[in-house]
N, C-alpha and C. Protein backbone atom coordinates (compact mmCIF):
# COMPACT_ATOMS: atom_id res chain seq x y z
N UNK A 1 8.43 -86.42 62.14
CA UNK A 1 7.50 -86.96 62.21
C UNK A 1 6.37 -86.38 60.98
N UNK A 2 6.94 -85.34 60.33
CA UNK A 2 6.05 -84.64 59.15
C UNK A 2 6.51 -85.09 58.00
N UNK A 3 7.72 -85.14 58.13
CA UNK A 3 8.24 -86.33 56.81
C UNK A 3 8.11 -87.21 56.70
N UNK A 4 7.79 -88.38 57.77
CA UNK A 4 6.98 -89.27 57.53
C UNK A 4 5.80 -89.41 57.04
N UNK A 5 4.86 -88.43 57.64
CA UNK A 5 3.53 -88.23 57.08
C UNK A 5 3.16 -87.74 55.17
N UNK A 6 4.42 -86.94 55.03
CA UNK A 6 4.12 -86.66 53.55
C UNK A 6 5.13 -87.85 52.86
N UNK A 7 6.29 -88.66 53.26
CA UNK A 7 6.45 -89.53 52.57
C UNK A 7 5.47 -90.61 52.29
N UNK A 8 4.69 -90.97 53.23
CA UNK A 8 3.72 -92.01 53.27
C UNK A 8 2.34 -91.63 52.11
N UNK A 9 2.34 -90.49 52.33
CA UNK A 9 1.52 -89.69 51.20
C UNK A 9 1.75 -89.97 49.97
N UNK A 10 3.24 -89.44 49.83
CA UNK A 10 3.66 -89.46 48.31
C UNK A 10 3.59 -90.80 47.69
N UNK A 11 3.91 -91.96 48.71
CA UNK A 11 4.45 -93.42 48.38
C UNK A 11 2.66 -93.83 47.73
N UNK A 12 1.85 -93.53 48.72
CA UNK A 12 0.33 -94.31 48.32
C UNK A 12 -0.03 -93.21 47.04
N UNK A 13 0.01 -91.78 46.57
CA UNK A 13 -0.14 -91.34 45.79
C UNK A 13 0.61 -91.98 44.19
N UNK A 14 1.69 -92.35 44.66
CA UNK A 14 2.56 -93.06 43.22
C UNK A 14 1.85 -94.12 42.96
N UNK A 15 1.45 -95.06 44.05
CA UNK A 15 1.16 -96.52 43.81
C UNK A 15 -0.44 -96.51 43.30
N UNK A 16 -1.15 -95.34 43.60
CA UNK A 16 -2.34 -95.39 43.00
C UNK A 16 -1.99 -94.92 41.44
N UNK A 17 -1.06 -93.94 41.03
CA UNK A 17 -0.75 -93.63 40.09
C UNK A 17 -0.57 -94.89 38.71
N UNK A 18 0.38 -95.77 39.34
CA UNK A 18 1.12 -96.47 39.00
C UNK A 18 0.06 -97.79 38.97
N UNK A 19 -0.66 -98.10 39.70
CA UNK A 19 -1.70 -99.25 39.36
C UNK A 19 -2.87 -98.67 38.45
N UNK A 20 -3.02 -97.47 38.10
CA UNK A 20 -4.11 -97.04 37.02
C UNK A 20 -3.73 -97.07 35.72
N UNK A 21 -1.96 -96.51 35.70
CA UNK A 21 -1.60 -96.69 34.44
C UNK A 21 -1.44 -98.09 33.84
N UNK A 22 -0.37 -98.90 34.82
CA UNK A 22 0.20 -100.05 34.45
C UNK A 22 -0.71 -101.29 35.33
N UNK A 23 -1.99 -101.20 35.52
CA UNK A 23 -2.39 -102.31 36.25
C UNK A 23 -2.73 -103.34 35.37
N UNK A 24 -3.23 -104.80 35.91
CA UNK A 24 -3.56 -105.72 34.90
C UNK A 24 -5.19 -105.27 34.65
N UNK A 25 -5.94 -104.59 35.22
CA UNK A 25 -7.05 -104.49 35.15
C UNK A 25 -7.42 -103.29 34.22
N UNK A 26 -6.55 -102.52 33.97
CA UNK A 26 -6.40 -101.09 33.26
C UNK A 26 -7.08 -101.41 31.71
N UNK A 27 -6.18 -101.96 31.32
CA UNK A 27 -6.61 -102.19 29.46
C UNK A 27 -7.58 -103.69 29.36
N UNK A 28 -8.57 -103.48 29.29
CA UNK A 28 -9.56 -104.83 29.01
C UNK A 28 -9.93 -104.65 27.46
N UNK A 29 -9.72 -105.65 26.89
CA UNK A 29 -9.94 -106.07 25.64
C UNK A 29 -11.73 -106.12 25.41
N UNK A 30 -12.35 -105.57 24.37
CA UNK A 30 -13.66 -105.58 24.04
C UNK A 30 -13.61 -106.69 23.53
N UNK A 31 -14.46 -107.70 23.83
CA UNK A 31 -14.87 -108.91 22.96
C UNK A 31 -16.29 -108.37 22.26
N UNK A 32 -16.54 -108.55 21.12
CA UNK A 32 -17.68 -108.43 20.51
C UNK A 32 -18.24 -110.04 20.65
N UNK A 33 -19.75 -109.88 21.26
CA UNK A 33 -20.27 -111.36 21.19
C UNK A 33 -21.33 -111.42 20.12
N UNK A 34 -21.23 -112.40 19.28
CA UNK A 34 -22.05 -112.41 17.76
C UNK A 34 -23.14 -113.19 18.29
N UNK A 35 -24.57 -112.81 18.01
CA UNK A 35 -25.68 -113.16 18.10
C UNK A 35 -25.88 -114.27 17.47
N UNK A 36 -26.51 -115.65 18.09
CA UNK A 36 -26.84 -116.78 17.14
C UNK A 36 -28.34 -116.69 16.65
N UNK A 37 -28.59 -115.35 15.80
CA UNK A 37 -29.82 -115.52 15.23
C UNK A 37 -29.79 -114.98 13.71
N UNK A 38 -30.76 -115.47 13.33
CA UNK A 38 -30.81 -115.03 11.71
C UNK A 38 -30.77 -113.98 11.57
N UNK A 39 -31.05 -113.20 10.10
CA UNK A 39 -31.44 -112.02 9.89
C UNK A 39 -32.37 -111.45 10.51
N UNK A 40 -33.94 -112.01 9.98
CA UNK A 40 -34.82 -111.21 10.79
C UNK A 40 -34.92 -111.52 12.00
N UNK A 41 -34.52 -112.46 12.59
CA UNK A 41 -34.65 -112.70 13.81
C UNK A 41 -33.47 -111.34 14.96
N UNK A 42 -32.68 -111.17 14.23
CA UNK A 42 -31.63 -110.20 14.94
C UNK A 42 -32.56 -108.98 14.99
N UNK A 43 -33.23 -108.25 13.59
CA UNK A 43 -33.86 -107.26 13.88
C UNK A 43 -35.11 -107.64 14.90
N UNK A 44 -35.89 -108.60 14.81
CA UNK A 44 -36.83 -108.78 15.91
C UNK A 44 -36.39 -108.34 17.22
N UNK A 45 -34.92 -109.12 17.70
CA UNK A 45 -34.47 -109.10 18.85
C UNK A 45 -33.87 -107.43 18.97
N UNK A 46 -33.45 -106.73 18.12
CA UNK A 46 -33.48 -105.53 18.33
C UNK A 46 -34.12 -104.38 18.78
N UNK A 47 -35.66 -105.19 18.28
CA UNK A 47 -36.59 -104.21 18.36
C UNK A 47 -37.00 -104.66 19.72
N UNK A 48 -37.14 -105.80 20.17
CA UNK A 48 -37.52 -106.26 21.38
C UNK A 48 -36.65 -105.42 22.40
N UNK A 49 -35.12 -105.52 22.43
CA UNK A 49 -34.63 -104.63 23.20
C UNK A 49 -35.03 -103.27 23.20
N UNK A 50 -35.27 -102.71 22.17
CA UNK A 50 -35.24 -101.17 22.10
C UNK A 50 -36.61 -100.52 22.75
N UNK A 51 -37.81 -101.82 22.78
CA UNK A 51 -38.91 -101.83 23.69
C UNK A 51 -39.12 -102.47 24.86
N UNK A 52 -37.82 -102.96 25.41
CA UNK A 52 -38.06 -103.46 26.95
C UNK A 52 -38.31 -104.71 26.84
N UNK A 53 -38.69 -105.24 25.98
CA UNK A 53 -38.90 -106.68 25.78
C UNK A 53 -37.77 -107.81 25.64
N UNK A 54 -38.34 -108.83 26.39
CA UNK A 54 -37.15 -109.96 26.63
C UNK A 54 -37.17 -110.29 24.85
N UNK A 55 -35.67 -111.20 24.88
CA UNK A 55 -34.98 -111.73 23.52
C UNK A 55 -35.84 -112.49 22.80
N UNK A 56 -36.33 -113.33 23.71
CA UNK A 56 -37.36 -114.52 22.77
C UNK A 56 -38.71 -113.86 22.57
N UNK A 57 -39.04 -112.94 22.72
CA UNK A 57 -40.32 -112.77 22.40
C UNK A 57 -40.81 -112.31 21.22
N UNK A 58 -40.66 -113.04 20.32
CA UNK A 58 -40.30 -112.95 18.94
C UNK A 58 -42.21 -113.10 18.27
């Protein structure tokens, strides 16, 4: 019975390791989102975000 418990624990640990190393959700590609703003609007939006205002409060 002890061997069964040890075997189940080792298999669970191995499954966790394989899922974290080789799973689908481990390597996510970061997609950069380009804003649809012109130059001065982009700086205004950055200012608004820095001060906690909504983006369209120009």
